[in-house]
Amino acid sequence: MDQNRDGFGTGIEAVITSFNQGTMILEAVESLCTQTVLPQKIIIVDDGSTDGCSIRILKDMEKKADLPVPVMIHYQENGGVSSARNTGIKKTQVPMVLVLDGDDKLEPEYTEYVSQLLRDNPSMVAASSWMHTFGILDSIVCPAGGKINSFLSRNCCPATHILRRDIFEQCGGYDESMRSGFEDWDFFLSMLETSPEAWIGMVDKPLIRYRTAPASSNIKSMDKRLELMRFLIEKHIGSYHDHIVDALLGIEAISNSRLFHWESEVIHAIANHQELSRSSEDFLESPTYGDGGMASAVRIASIGGEK
């Protein structure tokens, strides 16, 4: 791995976005300072924090002289996460930029493995890794990356990633009008639209420690999923037009997978004489038609009749 004589990874700076993050921002910074390949600089963009404790923590960090990586903090009025990321990335002066939310953290090998993936693949516009969630949910989440056709039915890359700065400039950065969610998905689509060969890579190891909470913006955005998807489709209509078959089949594959998971759970409950939920009973009494629902209900009834 290329490193300069000071031990810093060549050509990588990190941008952390922060809004009332409290002590979590310290964990994010610490995770960057313990990387096997260090970023050359850490830029924290505070997006108008109103919490006194969070502001004091940032002010104290500005005074620390013993950090292994230089830290610069920029304060701005609240403009949303897209605005904060754009501000931070524009302040970088290197070919690759690591984007990290202030409530998440990284395993020590993240920068090394992900940046090497980008160095080995010139047509790759960004790269990231699998995630290990913590907090409310303890799980391994495995996004797959891919070319633009893979991203039309779902987002296939975590918000934390390393991007090529020239691609950021080419696509215009994050859409600052998007303050309800899905800004990452939109940004990845924009980067992938810069070239027919463009793709996003993924390290098949859980190197992101992703914090989960019921009130997180990622969870809340699901309440507006259809509205946000309409915005994405209309904004990227050319890509959806060019890859309409992949987009529709991708959505159908997601729907089928969830239907079969539910079906398996219902069959398991029936086999073990467990009570079904009211919504499952309602579905079996009046299954949906034309989307695989009736076929699923028939399979469940067949299993129930065998018992």
C-alpha atoms as a PDB file:
ATOM      1  CA  MET A   1       0.000   0.000   0.000  1.00  0.00           C
ATOM      2  CA  ASP A   2       1.328   3.416  -0.993  1.00  0.00           C
ATOM      3  CA  GLN A   3       2.019   5.705   1.935  1.00  0.00           C
ATOM      4  CA  ASN A   4       4.013   8.889   2.231  1.00  0.00           C
ATOM      5  CA  ARG A   5       6.918   9.219   4.636  1.00  0.00           C
ATOM      6  CA  ASP A   6       4.650  10.601   7.377  1.00  0.00           C
ATOM      7  CA  GLY A   7       2.580   7.420   7.311  1.00  0.00           C
ATOM      8  CA  PHE A   8      -0.475   8.961   5.665  1.00  0.00           C
ATOM      9  CA  GLY A   9      -2.278   7.235   2.816  1.00  0.00           C
ATOM     10  CA  THR A  10      -1.606   9.052  -0.436  1.00  0.00           C
ATOM     11  CA  GLY A  11      -4.395  11.054  -2.014  1.00  0.00           C
ATOM     12  CA  ILE A  12      -7.196  10.536   0.559  1.00  0.00           C
ATOM     13  CA  GLU A  13      -8.905  13.083   2.789  1.00  0.00           C
ATOM     14  CA  ALA A  14     -11.957  12.429   4.976  1.00  0.00           C
ATOM     15  CA  VAL A  15     -15.140  14.482   5.351  1.00  0.00           C
ATOM     16  CA  ILE A  16     -17.349  13.955   8.409  1.00  0.00           C
ATOM     17  CA  THR A  17     -20.757  15.599   8.618  1.00  0.00           C
ATOM     18  CA  SER A  18     -22.012  16.548  12.061  1.00  0.00           C
ATOM     19  CA  PHE A  19     -25.298  17.806  13.517  1.00  0.00           C
ATOM     20  CA  ASN A  20     -25.855  17.561  17.294  1.00  0.00           C
ATOM     21  CA  GLN A  21     -23.725  14.431  17.315  1.00  0.00           C
ATOM     22  CA  GLY A  22     -22.481  14.745  20.904  1.00  0.00           C
ATOM     23  CA  THR A  23     -19.730  12.299  21.821  1.00  0.00           C
ATOM     24  CA  MET A  24     -20.459  10.152  18.761  1.00  0.00           C
ATOM     25  CA  ILE A  25     -18.336  12.512  16.654  1.00  0.00           C
ATOM     26  CA  LEU A  26     -15.341  11.574  18.810  1.00  0.00           C
ATOM     27  CA  GLU A  27     -15.858   7.901  17.969  1.00  0.00           C
ATOM     28  CA  ALA A  28     -16.018   8.720  14.258  1.00  0.00           C
ATOM     29  CA  VAL A  29     -12.785  10.740  14.407  1.00  0.00           C
ATOM     30  CA  GLU A  30     -11.044   8.075  16.494  1.00  0.00           C
ATOM     31  CA  SER A  31     -11.965   5.417  13.931  1.00  0.00           C
ATOM     32  CA  LEU A  32     -10.286   7.496  11.225  1.00  0.00           C
ATOM     33  CA  CYS A  33      -7.198   8.089  13.383  1.00  0.00           C
ATOM     34  CA  THR A  34      -6.693   4.329  13.842  1.00  0.00           C
ATOM     35  CA  GLN A  35      -6.817   3.378  10.154  1.00  0.00           C
ATOM     36  CA  THR A  36      -4.036   1.168   8.807  1.00  0.00           C
ATOM     37  CA  VAL A  37      -3.760   3.780   6.044  1.00  0.00           C
ATOM     38  CA  LEU A  38      -4.420   7.222   7.475  1.00  0.00           C
ATOM     39  CA  PRO A  39      -6.202   9.983   5.586  1.00  0.00           C
ATOM     40  CA  GLN A  40      -4.108  13.085   5.028  1.00  0.00           C
ATOM     41  CA  LYS A  41      -6.713  15.321   6.653  1.00  0.00           C
ATOM     42  CA  ILE A  42     -10.084  15.133   8.412  1.00  0.00           C
ATOM     43  CA  ILE A  43     -12.599  17.866   7.602  1.00  0.00           C
ATOM     44  CA  ILE A  44     -15.594  18.066   9.943  1.00  0.00           C
ATOM     45  CA  VAL A  45     -18.537  20.096   8.663  1.00  0.00           C
ATOM     46  CA  ASP A  46     -20.878  21.051  11.497  1.00  0.00           C
ATOM     47  CA  ASP A  47     -24.277  21.700   9.935  1.00  0.00           C
ATOM     48  CA  GLY A  48     -25.611  24.230  12.406  1.00  0.00           C
ATOM     49  CA  SER A  49     -25.576  22.207  15.637  1.00  0.00           C
ATOM     50  CA  THR A  50     -27.805  23.676  18.350  1.00  0.00           C
ATOM     51  CA  ASP A  51     -26.745  21.355  21.183  1.00  0.00           C
ATOM     52  CA  GLY A  52     -24.277  23.066  23.514  1.00  0.00           C
ATOM     53  CA  CYS A  53     -22.510  19.826  24.425  1.00  0.00           C
ATOM     54  CA  SER A  54     -21.914  18.965  20.763  1.00  0.00           C
ATOM     55  CA  ILE A  55     -20.495  22.414  20.051  1.00  0.00           C
ATOM     56  CA  ARG A  56     -18.170  22.244  23.080  1.00  0.00           C
ATOM     57  CA  ILE A  57     -16.862  18.858  21.948  1.00  0.00           C
ATOM     58  CA  LEU A  58     -16.022  20.288  18.517  1.00  0.00           C
ATOM     59  CA  LYS A  59     -14.378  23.375  20.046  1.00  0.00           C
ATOM     60  CA  ASP A  60     -12.268  21.166  22.333  1.00  0.00           C
ATOM     61  CA  MET A  61     -11.243  19.042  19.361  1.00  0.00           C
ATOM     62  CA  GLU A  62      -9.990  22.144  17.556  1.00  0.00           C
ATOM     63  CA  LYS A  63      -7.524  22.690  20.416  1.00  0.00           C
ATOM     64  CA  LYS A  64      -6.119  19.142  20.400  1.00  0.00           C
ATOM     65  CA  ALA A  65      -2.599  19.014  19.009  1.00  0.00           C
ATOM     66  CA  ASP A  66      -1.871  15.326  19.594  1.00  0.00           C
ATOM     67  CA  LEU A  67      -4.134  13.779  16.948  1.00  0.00           C
ATOM     68  CA  PRO A  68      -2.295  11.628  14.351  1.00  0.00           C
ATOM     69  CA  VAL A  69      -4.303  13.250  11.542  1.00  0.00           C
ATOM     70  CA  PRO A  70      -4.853  17.024  11.114  1.00  0.00           C
ATOM     71  CA  VAL A  71      -8.484  17.977  11.837  1.00  0.00           C
ATOM     72  CA  MET A  72     -10.176  21.044  10.373  1.00  0.00           C
ATOM     73  CA  ILE A  73     -13.673  22.050  11.512  1.00  0.00           C
ATOM     74  CA  HIS A  74     -16.000  24.179   9.397  1.00  0.00           C
ATOM     75  CA  TYR A  75     -19.158  25.651  10.931  1.00  0.00           C
ATOM     76  CA  GLN A  76     -22.142  26.546   8.766  1.00  0.00           C
ATOM     77  CA  GLU A  77     -25.836  27.330   9.119  1.00  0.00           C
ATOM     78  CA  ASN A  78     -28.059  24.272   8.852  1.00  0.00           C
ATOM     79  CA  GLY A  79     -28.459  23.324   5.210  1.00  0.00           C
ATOM     80  CA  GLY A  80     -28.972  19.579   5.399  1.00  0.00           C
ATOM     81  CA  VAL A  81     -26.596  16.671   4.974  1.00  0.00           C
ATOM     82  CA  SER A  82     -26.205  17.197   1.205  1.00  0.00           C
ATOM     83  CA  SER A  83     -25.079  20.782   1.754  1.00  0.00           C
ATOM     84  CA  ALA A  84     -22.655  19.711   4.497  1.00  0.00           C
ATOM     85  CA  ARG A  85     -21.115  16.983   2.335  1.00  0.00           C
ATOM     86  CA  ASN A  86     -20.742  19.297  -0.649  1.00  0.00           C
ATOM     87  CA  THR A  87     -19.066  21.914   1.539  1.00  0.00           C
ATOM     88  CA  GLY A  88     -16.610  19.405   2.977  1.00  0.00           C
ATOM     89  CA  ILE A  89     -15.741  17.735  -0.318  1.00  0.00           C
ATOM     90  CA  LYS A  90     -15.109  21.094  -1.990  1.00  0.00           C
ATOM     91  CA  LYS A  91     -12.546  21.857   0.718  1.00  0.00           C
ATOM     92  CA  THR A  92     -10.517  18.744  -0.104  1.00  0.00           C
ATOM     93  CA  GLN A  93      -7.517  18.882  -2.440  1.00  0.00           C
ATOM     94  CA  VAL A  94      -6.879  15.214  -3.199  1.00  0.00           C
ATOM     95  CA  PRO A  95      -8.068  12.641  -5.783  1.00  0.00           C
ATOM     96  CA  MET A  96     -10.106  10.534  -3.324  1.00  0.00           C
ATOM     97  CA  VAL A  97     -12.481  11.620  -0.552  1.00  0.00           C
ATOM     98  CA  LEU A  98     -13.900   9.467   2.237  1.00  0.00           C
ATOM     99  CA  VAL A  99     -17.421  10.517   3.274  1.00  0.00           C
ATOM    100  CA  LEU A 100     -18.489   9.519   6.805  1.00  0.00           C
ATOM    101  CA  ASP A 101     -21.543  10.411   8.900  1.00  0.00           C
ATOM    102  CA  GLY A 102     -20.731  11.693  12.376  1.00  0.00           C
ATOM    103  CA  ASP A 103     -22.639   8.932  14.186  1.00  0.00           C
ATOM    104  CA  ASP A 104     -20.908   6.039  12.403  1.00  0.00           C
ATOM    105  CA  LYS A 105     -17.374   4.643  12.582  1.00  0.00           C
ATOM    106  CA  LEU A 106     -14.977   2.458  10.640  1.00  0.00           C
ATOM    107  CA  GLU A 107     -12.965  -0.684  11.199  1.00  0.00           C
ATOM    108  CA  PRO A 108      -9.195  -0.014  10.955  1.00  0.00           C
ATOM    109  CA  GLU A 109      -8.807  -1.562   7.471  1.00  0.00           C
ATOM    110  CA  TYR A 110     -11.592   0.411   5.779  1.00  0.00           C
ATOM    111  CA  THR A 111      -9.487   3.096   4.103  1.00  0.00           C
ATOM    112  CA  GLU A 112      -6.794   0.640   3.055  1.00  0.00           C
ATOM    113  CA  TYR A 113      -9.077  -1.935   1.449  1.00  0.00           C
ATOM    114  CA  VAL A 114     -11.580   0.441  -0.138  1.00  0.00           C
ATOM    115  CA  SER A 115      -9.026   2.872  -1.564  1.00  0.00           C
ATOM    116  CA  GLN A 116      -7.057  -0.030  -3.042  1.00  0.00           C
ATOM    117  CA  LEU A 117     -10.204  -1.209  -4.809  1.00  0.00           C
ATOM    118  CA  LEU A 118     -10.481   2.228  -6.431  1.00  0.00           C
ATOM    119  CA  ARG A 119      -6.805   2.277  -7.391  1.00  0.00           C
ATOM    120  CA  ASP A 120      -7.099  -1.134  -9.043  1.00  0.00           C
ATOM    121  CA  ASN A 121     -10.185  -0.197 -11.108  1.00  0.00           C
ATOM    122  CA  PRO A 122      -9.980   3.078 -13.092  1.00  0.00           C
ATOM    123  CA  SER A 123     -13.642   2.957 -14.202  1.00  0.00           C
ATOM    124  CA  MET A 124     -14.871   2.662 -10.604  1.00  0.00           C
ATOM    125  CA  VAL A 125     -16.347   6.011  -9.498  1.00  0.00           C
ATOM    126  CA  ALA A 126     -16.751   5.123  -5.818  1.00  0.00           C
ATOM    127  CA  ALA A 127     -16.320   2.187  -3.458  1.00  0.00           C
ATOM    128  CA  SER A 128     -17.361   1.060  -0.002  1.00  0.00           C
ATOM    129  CA  SER A 129     -17.868  -2.109   2.058  1.00  0.00           C
ATOM    130  CA  TRP A 130     -20.441  -4.210   3.863  1.00  0.00           C
ATOM    131  CA  MET A 131     -21.796  -2.873   7.169  1.00  0.00           C
ATOM    132  CA  HIS A 132     -21.981  -4.192  10.713  1.00  0.00           C
ATOM    133  CA  THR A 133     -24.962  -2.479  12.324  1.00  0.00           C
ATOM    134  CA  PHE A 134     -25.045  -1.741  16.057  1.00  0.00           C
ATOM    135  CA  GLY A 135     -27.387   0.024  18.454  1.00  0.00           C
ATOM    136  CA  ILE A 136     -30.969  -1.194  18.011  1.00  0.00           C
ATOM    137  CA  LEU A 137     -30.029  -3.803  15.382  1.00  0.00           C
ATOM    138  CA  ASP A 138     -26.999  -6.112  15.418  1.00  0.00           C
ATOM    139  CA  SER A 139     -26.598  -7.511  11.907  1.00  0.00           C
ATOM    140  CA  ILE A 140     -24.383  -7.740   8.833  1.00  0.00           C
ATOM    141  CA  VAL A 141     -25.752  -5.821   5.828  1.00  0.00           C
ATOM    142  CA  CYS A 142     -24.237  -6.678   2.436  1.00  0.00           C
ATOM    143  CA  PRO A 143     -24.823  -4.055  -0.302  1.00  0.00           C
ATOM    144  CA  ALA A 144     -23.542  -5.278  -3.674  1.00  0.00           C
ATOM    145  CA  GLY A 145     -22.506  -2.166  -5.621  1.00  0.00           C
ATOM    146  CA  GLY A 146     -22.571  -2.492  -9.402  1.00  0.00           C
ATOM    147  CA  LYS A 147     -23.339  -0.485 -12.552  1.00  0.00           C
ATOM    148  CA  ILE A 148     -26.262   1.881 -12.998  1.00  0.00           C
ATOM    149  CA  ASN A 149     -28.772  -0.842 -13.908  1.00  0.00           C
ATOM    150  CA  SER A 150     -28.285  -2.340 -10.430  1.00  0.00           C
ATOM    151  CA  PHE A 151     -28.999   1.026  -8.764  1.00  0.00           C
ATOM    152  CA  LEU A 152     -32.319   1.733 -10.481  1.00  0.00           C
ATOM    153  CA  SER A 153     -34.451  -0.500  -8.245  1.00  0.00           C
ATOM    154  CA  ARG A 154     -32.545   0.013  -4.976  1.00  0.00           C
ATOM    155  CA  ASN A 155     -29.546   1.814  -3.500  1.00  0.00           C
ATOM    156  CA  CYS A 156     -26.602  -0.607  -3.590  1.00  0.00           C
ATOM    157  CA  CYS A 157     -23.980   1.414  -1.672  1.00  0.00           C
ATOM    158  CA  PRO A 158     -23.743   2.744   1.901  1.00  0.00           C
ATOM    159  CA  ALA A 159     -23.666   6.491   2.551  1.00  0.00           C
ATOM    160  CA  THR A 160     -20.131   5.997   3.875  1.00  0.00           C
ATOM    161  CA  HIS A 161     -17.858   5.520   0.883  1.00  0.00           C
ATOM    162  CA  ILE A 162     -14.736   6.764  -0.889  1.00  0.00           C
ATOM    163  CA  LEU A 163     -15.353   8.715  -4.084  1.00  0.00           C
ATOM    164  CA  ARG A 164     -13.230  10.107  -6.876  1.00  0.00           C
ATOM    165  CA  ARG A 165     -13.213  13.881  -6.495  1.00  0.00           C
ATOM    166  CA  ASP A 166     -13.159  14.527 -10.255  1.00  0.00           C
ATOM    167  CA  ILE A 167     -16.367  12.489 -10.635  1.00  0.00           C
ATOM    168  CA  PHE A 168     -17.947  14.523  -7.820  1.00  0.00           C
ATOM    169  CA  GLU A 169     -17.155  17.694  -9.763  1.00  0.00           C
ATOM    170  CA  GLN A 170     -18.358  16.185 -13.036  1.00  0.00           C
ATOM    171  CA  CYS A 171     -21.784  15.159 -11.716  1.00  0.00           C
ATOM    172  CA  GLY A 172     -22.346  18.303  -9.641  1.00  0.00           C
ATOM    173  CA  GLY A 173     -22.263  16.796  -6.156  1.00  0.00           C
ATOM    174  CA  TYR A 174     -25.172  16.054  -3.834  1.00  0.00           C
ATOM    175  CA  ASP A 175     -28.600  17.544  -4.558  1.00  0.00           C
ATOM    176  CA  GLU A 176     -29.069  20.074  -1.746  1.00  0.00           C
ATOM    177  CA  SER A 177     -32.831  20.227  -2.343  1.00  0.00           C
ATOM    178  CA  MET A 178     -33.148  16.652  -1.057  1.00  0.00           C
ATOM    179  CA  ARG A 179     -33.638  16.987   2.691  1.00  0.00           C
ATOM    180  CA  SER A 180     -36.093  14.118   3.252  1.00  0.00           C
ATOM    181  CA  GLY A 181     -33.724  11.260   2.416  1.00  0.00           C
ATOM    182  CA  PHE A 182     -32.390   9.230  -0.522  1.00  0.00           C
ATOM    183  CA  GLU A 183     -29.774  11.904  -1.279  1.00  0.00           C
ATOM    184  CA  ASP A 184     -27.083   9.191  -1.309  1.00  0.00           C
ATOM    185  CA  TRP A 185     -28.994   7.063  -3.822  1.00  0.00           C
ATOM    186  CA  ASP A 186     -29.506  10.112  -6.037  1.00  0.00           C
ATOM    187  CA  PHE A 187     -25.801  11.005  -5.820  1.00  0.00           C
ATOM    188  CA  PHE A 188     -24.705   7.501  -6.767  1.00  0.00           C
ATOM    189  CA  LEU A 189     -27.029   7.558  -9.788  1.00  0.00           C
ATOM    190  CA  SER A 190     -25.536  10.900 -10.824  1.00  0.00           C
ATOM    191  CA  MET A 191     -21.985   9.550 -10.553  1.00  0.00           C
ATOM    192  CA  LEU A 192     -22.866   6.401 -12.474  1.00  0.00           C
ATOM    193  CA  GLU A 193     -24.380   8.510 -15.260  1.00  0.00           C
ATOM    194  CA  THR A 194     -21.004  10.152 -15.992  1.00  0.00           C
ATOM    195  CA  SER A 195     -19.827   7.196 -18.107  1.00  0.00           C
ATOM    196  CA  PRO A 196     -21.285   3.962 -19.557  1.00  0.00           C
ATOM    197  CA  GLU A 197     -18.414   2.066 -17.935  1.00  0.00           C
ATOM    198  CA  ALA A 198     -18.886   3.620 -14.489  1.00  0.00           C
ATOM    199  CA  TRP A 199     -19.502   1.310 -11.557  1.00  0.00           C
ATOM    200  CA  ILE A 200     -19.333   1.274  -7.754  1.00  0.00           C
ATOM    201  CA  GLY A 201     -17.236  -1.354  -6.020  1.00  0.00           C
ATOM    202  CA  MET A 202     -17.756  -3.150  -2.734  1.00  0.00           C
ATOM    203  CA  VAL A 203     -15.319  -4.804  -0.316  1.00  0.00           C
ATOM    204  CA  ASP A 204     -16.976  -8.020   0.872  1.00  0.00           C
ATOM    205  CA  LYS A 205     -16.152  -7.416   4.531  1.00  0.00           C
ATOM    206  CA  PRO A 206     -18.188  -5.517   7.180  1.00  0.00           C
ATOM    207  CA  LEU A 207     -15.788  -2.582   7.641  1.00  0.00           C
ATOM    208  CA  ILE A 208     -18.424   0.073   8.449  1.00  0.00           C
ATOM    209  CA  ARG A 209     -19.894   0.255  11.948  1.00  0.00           C
ATOM    210  CA  TYR A 210     -23.363   1.662  11.202  1.00  0.00           C
ATOM    211  CA  ARG A 211     -25.367   3.014  14.133  1.00  0.00           C
ATOM    212  CA  THR A 212     -29.105   2.151  14.094  1.00  0.00           C
ATOM    213  CA  ALA A 213     -31.899   3.980  15.931  1.00  0.00           C
ATOM    214  CA  PRO A 214     -35.689   4.176  15.395  1.00  0.00           C
ATOM    215  CA  ALA A 215     -35.582   7.964  14.928  1.00  0.00           C
ATOM    216  CA  SER A 216     -32.714   8.034  12.414  1.00  0.00           C
ATOM    217  CA  SER A 217     -33.209   9.945   9.156  1.00  0.00           C
ATOM    218  CA  ASN A 218     -32.668   6.724   7.192  1.00  0.00           C
ATOM    219  CA  ILE A 219     -35.595   5.023   8.933  1.00  0.00           C
ATOM    220  CA  LYS A 220     -37.852   8.087   8.673  1.00  0.00           C
ATOM    221  CA  SER A 221     -37.201   8.389   4.921  1.00  0.00           C
ATOM    222  CA  MET A 222     -38.970   5.047   4.383  1.00  0.00           C
ATOM    223  CA  ASP A 223     -42.274   6.797   5.215  1.00  0.00           C
ATOM    224  CA  LYS A 224     -41.793   8.833   2.029  1.00  0.00           C
ATOM    225  CA  ARG A 225     -40.276   6.077  -0.115  1.00  0.00           C
ATOM    226  CA  LEU A 226     -42.785   6.265  -2.974  1.00  0.00           C
ATOM    227  CA  GLU A 227     -42.641  10.061  -3.091  1.00  0.00           C
ATOM    228  CA  LEU A 228     -38.827  10.022  -3.084  1.00  0.00           C
ATOM    229  CA  MET A 229     -38.669   7.274  -5.701  1.00  0.00           C
ATOM    230  CA  ARG A 230     -40.929   9.318  -7.979  1.00  0.00           C
ATOM    231  CA  PHE A 231     -38.494  12.219  -7.608  1.00  0.00           C
ATOM    232  CA  LEU A 232     -35.529   9.957  -8.454  1.00  0.00           C
ATOM    233  CA  ILE A 233     -37.235   8.409 -11.473  1.00  0.00           C
ATOM    234  CA  GLU A 234     -38.264  11.782 -12.889  1.00  0.00           C
ATOM    235  CA  LYS A 235     -34.818  13.275 -12.257  1.00  0.00           C
ATOM    236  CA  HIS A 236     -32.977  10.310 -13.816  1.00  0.00           C
ATOM    237  CA  ILE A 237     -35.636   9.490 -16.400  1.00  0.00           C
ATOM    238  CA  GLY A 238     -33.046   8.945 -19.151  1.00  0.00           C
ATOM    239  CA  SER A 239     -31.351   6.166 -17.195  1.00  0.00           C
ATOM    240  CA  TYR A 240     -34.679   4.544 -16.299  1.00  0.00           C
ATOM    241  CA  HIS A 241     -35.737   4.747 -19.940  1.00  0.00           C
ATOM    242  CA  ASP A 242     -32.500   3.117 -21.121  1.00  0.00           C
ATOM    243  CA  HIS A 243     -32.657   0.338 -18.512  1.00  0.00           C
ATOM    244  CA  ILE A 244     -36.416  -0.033 -17.970  1.00  0.00           C
ATOM    245  CA  VAL A 245     -36.340  -3.850 -18.057  1.00  0.00           C
ATOM    246  CA  ASP A 246     -33.584  -4.072 -15.426  1.00  0.00           C
ATOM    247  CA  ALA A 247     -35.376  -1.515 -13.234  1.00  0.00           C
ATOM    248  CA  LEU A 248     -38.736  -3.292 -13.311  1.00  0.00           C
ATOM    249  CA  LEU A 249     -37.278  -6.784 -12.881  1.00  0.00           C
ATOM    250  CA  GLY A 250     -35.134  -5.532 -10.002  1.00  0.00           C
ATOM    251  CA  ILE A 251     -38.188  -4.202  -8.171  1.00  0.00           C
ATOM    252  CA  GLU A 252     -40.100  -7.434  -8.920  1.00  0.00           C
ATOM    253  CA  ALA A 253     -37.208  -9.510  -7.527  1.00  0.00           C
ATOM    254  CA  ILE A 254     -37.290  -7.504  -4.289  1.00  0.00           C
ATOM    255  CA  SER A 255     -41.078  -7.946  -4.037  1.00  0.00           C
ATOM    256  CA  ASN A 256     -40.873 -11.697  -4.673  1.00  0.00           C
ATOM    257  CA  SER A 257     -38.112 -12.149  -2.108  1.00  0.00           C
ATOM    258  CA  ARG A 258     -40.116 -10.401   0.614  1.00  0.00           C
ATOM    259  CA  LEU A 259     -43.278 -12.325  -0.279  1.00  0.00           C
ATOM    260  CA  PHE A 260     -41.471 -15.665  -0.045  1.00  0.00           C
ATOM    261  CA  HIS A 261     -39.898 -14.711   3.308  1.00  0.00           C
ATOM    262  CA  TRP A 262     -43.346 -13.853   4.675  1.00  0.00           C
ATOM    263  CA  GLU A 263     -44.800 -17.056   3.214  1.00  0.00           C
ATOM    264  CA  SER A 264     -42.105 -19.141   4.907  1.00  0.00           C
ATOM    265  CA  GLU A 265     -42.832 -17.501   8.255  1.00  0.00           C
ATOM    266  CA  VAL A 266     -46.578 -18.157   7.933  1.00  0.00           C
ATOM    267  CA  ILE A 267     -46.000 -21.804   6.961  1.00  0.00           C
ATOM    268  CA  HIS A 268     -43.657 -22.170   9.936  1.00  0.00           C
ATOM    269  CA  ALA A 269     -46.290 -20.703  12.272  1.00  0.00           C
ATOM    270  CA  ILE A 270     -49.015 -23.007  10.921  1.00  0.00           C
ATOM    271  CA  ALA A 271     -46.765 -26.057  11.186  1.00  0.00           C
ATOM    272  CA  ASN A 272     -46.074 -25.224  14.829  1.00  0.00           C
ATOM    273  CA  HIS A 273     -49.725 -24.379  15.649  1.00  0.00           C
ATOM    274  CA  GLN A 274     -48.860 -20.741  16.341  1.00  0.00           C
ATOM    275  CA  GLU A 275     -51.364 -17.913  16.078  1.00  0.00           C
ATOM    276  CA  LEU A 276     -51.100 -15.791  12.948  1.00  0.00           C
ATOM    277  CA  SER A 277     -51.141 -12.005  13.034  1.00  0.00           C
ATOM    278  CA  ARG A 278     -54.367 -10.237  12.093  1.00  0.00           C
ATOM    279  CA  SER A 279     -52.772  -8.860   8.914  1.00  0.00           C
ATOM    280  CA  SER A 280     -51.689 -12.372   7.815  1.00  0.00           C
ATOM    281  CA  GLU A 281     -55.166 -13.753   8.467  1.00  0.00           C
ATOM    282  CA  ASP A 282     -56.694 -10.873   6.483  1.00  0.00           C
ATOM    283  CA  PHE A 283     -54.333 -11.588   3.586  1.00  0.00           C
ATOM    284  CA  LEU A 284     -55.232 -15.285   3.506  1.00  0.00           C
ATOM    285  CA  GLU A 285     -58.938 -14.421   3.578  1.00  0.00           C
ATOM    286  CA  SER A 286     -58.533 -11.947   0.690  1.00  0.00           C
ATOM    287  CA  PRO A 287     -55.168 -12.417  -1.079  1.00  0.00           C
ATOM    288  CA  THR A 288     -53.907  -9.913  -3.638  1.00  0.00           C
ATOM    289  CA  TYR A 289     -54.148 -10.834  -7.313  1.00  0.00           C
ATOM    290  CA  GLY A 290     -51.646 -10.477 -10.150  1.00  0.00           C
ATOM    291  CA  ASP A 291     -48.568  -9.975  -7.980  1.00  0.00           C
ATOM    292  CA  GLY A 292     -47.970 -13.510  -6.715  1.00  0.00           C
ATOM    293  CA  GLY A 293     -50.184 -13.045  -3.643  1.00  0.00           C
ATOM    294  CA  MET A 294     -52.880 -15.555  -4.558  1.00  0.00           C
ATOM    295  CA  ALA A 295     -50.287 -18.197  -5.524  1.00  0.00           C
ATOM    296  CA  SER A 296     -48.611 -17.679  -2.155  1.00  0.00           C
ATOM    297  CA  ALA A 297     -51.937 -18.049  -0.339  1.00  0.00           C
ATOM    298  CA  VAL A 298     -52.647 -21.301  -2.240  1.00  0.00           C
ATOM    299  CA  ARG A 299     -49.276 -22.735  -1.208  1.00  0.00           C
ATOM    300  CA  ILE A 300     -49.899 -21.788   2.412  1.00  0.00           C
ATOM    301  CA  ALA A 301     -53.393 -23.325   2.357  1.00  0.00           C
ATOM    302  CA  SER A 302     -52.009 -26.493   0.808  1.00  0.00           C
ATOM    303  CA  ILE A 303     -49.476 -26.859   3.613  1.00  0.00           C
ATOM    304  CA  GLY A 304     -52.172 -26.123   6.182  1.00  0.00           C
ATOM    305  CA  GLY A 305     -54.429 -28.782   4.661  1.00  0.00           C
ATOM    306  CA  GLU A 306     -51.680 -31.383   4.957  1.00  0.00           C
ATOM    307  CA  LYS A 307     -51.321 -30.883   8.681  1.00  0.00           C
END
